[in-house]
Amino acid sequence: MKLKLLRPLGFVAIFAIFSISLSCNNSSTEANSEEAIVTEYSCPMKCEKDKTYAHEGKCPVCEMDLKKIN
């Protein structure tokens, strides 16, 4: 009797693990595609040489507006 109950539970457990692993792989793929779209900003005066920033704002050295480089 116990063996008949364990077989369906085993299949359900394997299916759940398989489903979770597939969903984890999809989320990492989405994260990689979002990283490719990230816009970078840099100072037009190159105060800090080739340093880039992930957000708009002002250069911490000369206070000029950062410009989009993508």
C-alpha atoms as a PDB file:
ATOM      1  CA  MET A   1       0.000   0.000   0.000  1.00  0.00           C
ATOM      2  CA  LYS A   2       2.800   2.450   0.878  1.00  0.00           C
ATOM      3  CA  LEU A   3       4.596   1.770  -2.415  1.00  0.00           C
ATOM      4  CA  LYS A   4       1.483   2.636  -4.451  1.00  0.00           C
ATOM      5  CA  LEU A   5       1.285   6.003  -2.647  1.00  0.00           C
ATOM      6  CA  LEU A   6       4.980   6.837  -3.012  1.00  0.00           C
ATOM      7  CA  ARG A   7       5.164   6.441  -6.793  1.00  0.00           C
ATOM      8  CA  PRO A   8       2.766   9.296  -7.650  1.00  0.00           C
ATOM      9  CA  LEU A   9       4.402  11.518  -5.028  1.00  0.00           C
ATOM     10  CA  GLY A  10       7.803  10.792  -6.540  1.00  0.00           C
ATOM     11  CA  PHE A  11       6.613  11.811 -10.002  1.00  0.00           C
ATOM     12  CA  VAL A  12       5.090  14.996  -8.599  1.00  0.00           C
ATOM     13  CA  ALA A  13       8.345  15.841  -6.811  1.00  0.00           C
ATOM     14  CA  ILE A  14      10.427  15.253  -9.955  1.00  0.00           C
ATOM     15  CA  PHE A  15       8.029  17.370 -12.015  1.00  0.00           C
ATOM     16  CA  ALA A  16       8.181  20.201  -9.446  1.00  0.00           C
ATOM     17  CA  ILE A  17      11.988  20.190  -9.397  1.00  0.00           C
ATOM     18  CA  PHE A  18      12.113  20.174 -13.204  1.00  0.00           C
ATOM     19  CA  SER A  19       9.649  23.085 -13.414  1.00  0.00           C
ATOM     20  CA  ILE A  20      11.585  25.142 -10.884  1.00  0.00           C
ATOM     21  CA  SER A  21      14.870  24.576 -12.713  1.00  0.00           C
ATOM     22  CA  LEU A  22      13.319  25.726 -15.992  1.00  0.00           C
ATOM     23  CA  SER A  23      11.953  28.894 -14.435  1.00  0.00           C
ATOM     24  CA  CYS A  24      15.378  29.704 -12.937  1.00  0.00           C
ATOM     25  CA  ASN A  25      17.030  29.374 -16.346  1.00  0.00           C
ATOM     26  CA  ASN A  26      14.487  31.733 -17.932  1.00  0.00           C
ATOM     27  CA  SER A  27      15.031  34.440 -15.320  1.00  0.00           C
ATOM     28  CA  SER A  28      18.798  34.407 -15.850  1.00  0.00           C
ATOM     29  CA  THR A  29      18.281  34.765 -19.612  1.00  0.00           C
ATOM     30  CA  GLU A  30      16.043  37.780 -19.057  1.00  0.00           C
ATOM     31  CA  ALA A  31      18.636  39.346 -16.763  1.00  0.00           C
ATOM     32  CA  ASN A  32      21.347  38.923 -19.412  1.00  0.00           C
ATOM     33  CA  SER A  33      19.224  40.598 -22.082  1.00  0.00           C
ATOM     34  CA  GLU A  34      18.467  43.515 -19.731  1.00  0.00           C
ATOM     35  CA  GLU A  35      22.179  44.015 -19.054  1.00  0.00           C
ATOM     36  CA  ALA A  36      22.818  44.486 -22.763  1.00  0.00           C
ATOM     37  CA  ILE A  37      20.402  47.451 -22.851  1.00  0.00           C
ATOM     38  CA  VAL A  38      22.018  49.387 -19.963  1.00  0.00           C
ATOM     39  CA  THR A  39      22.840  52.981 -20.901  1.00  0.00           C
ATOM     40  CA  GLU A  40      26.151  54.447 -19.787  1.00  0.00           C
ATOM     41  CA  TYR A  41      27.044  58.056 -19.116  1.00  0.00           C
ATOM     42  CA  SER A  42      30.398  59.815 -18.977  1.00  0.00           C
ATOM     43  CA  CYS A  43      31.774  63.314 -18.470  1.00  0.00           C
ATOM     44  CA  PRO A  44      32.218  65.243 -21.738  1.00  0.00           C
ATOM     45  CA  MET A  45      35.426  66.813 -20.348  1.00  0.00           C
ATOM     46  CA  LYS A  46      36.898  63.371 -19.498  1.00  0.00           C
ATOM     47  CA  CYS A  47      37.855  64.520 -15.987  1.00  0.00           C
ATOM     48  CA  GLU A  48      38.103  60.937 -14.798  1.00  0.00           C
ATOM     49  CA  LYS A  49      39.393  59.616 -18.137  1.00  0.00           C
ATOM     50  CA  ASP A  50      37.163  56.771 -19.391  1.00  0.00           C
ATOM     51  CA  LYS A  51      35.091  56.283 -16.237  1.00  0.00           C
ATOM     52  CA  THR A  52      31.416  55.621 -16.931  1.00  0.00           C
ATOM     53  CA  TYR A  53      28.295  55.794 -14.800  1.00  0.00           C
ATOM     54  CA  ALA A  54      25.071  53.793 -14.972  1.00  0.00           C
ATOM     55  CA  HIS A  55      22.862  56.816 -14.224  1.00  0.00           C
ATOM     56  CA  GLU A  56      22.411  60.408 -15.318  1.00  0.00           C
ATOM     57  CA  GLY A  57      23.726  63.159 -13.123  1.00  0.00           C
ATOM     58  CA  LYS A  58      26.659  65.495 -12.762  1.00  0.00           C
ATOM     59  CA  CYS A  59      30.378  64.804 -12.920  1.00  0.00           C
ATOM     60  CA  PRO A  60      31.739  64.696  -9.360  1.00  0.00           C
ATOM     61  CA  VAL A  61      34.880  66.595 -10.458  1.00  0.00           C
ATOM     62  CA  CYS A  62      33.708  69.421 -12.775  1.00  0.00           C
ATOM     63  CA  GLU A  63      29.936  69.366 -12.066  1.00  0.00           C
ATOM     64  CA  MET A  64      29.038  69.177 -15.794  1.00  0.00           C
ATOM     65  CA  ASP A  65      26.049  67.071 -16.870  1.00  0.00           C
ATOM     66  CA  LEU A  66      27.013  63.533 -17.788  1.00  0.00           C
ATOM     67  CA  LYS A  67      26.347  62.643 -21.432  1.00  0.00           C
ATOM     68  CA  LYS A  68      24.914  59.405 -22.796  1.00  0.00           C
ATOM     69  CA  ILE A  69      27.536  57.374 -24.664  1.00  0.00           C
ATOM     70  CA  ASN A  70      25.394  54.493 -26.016  1.00  0.00           C
END
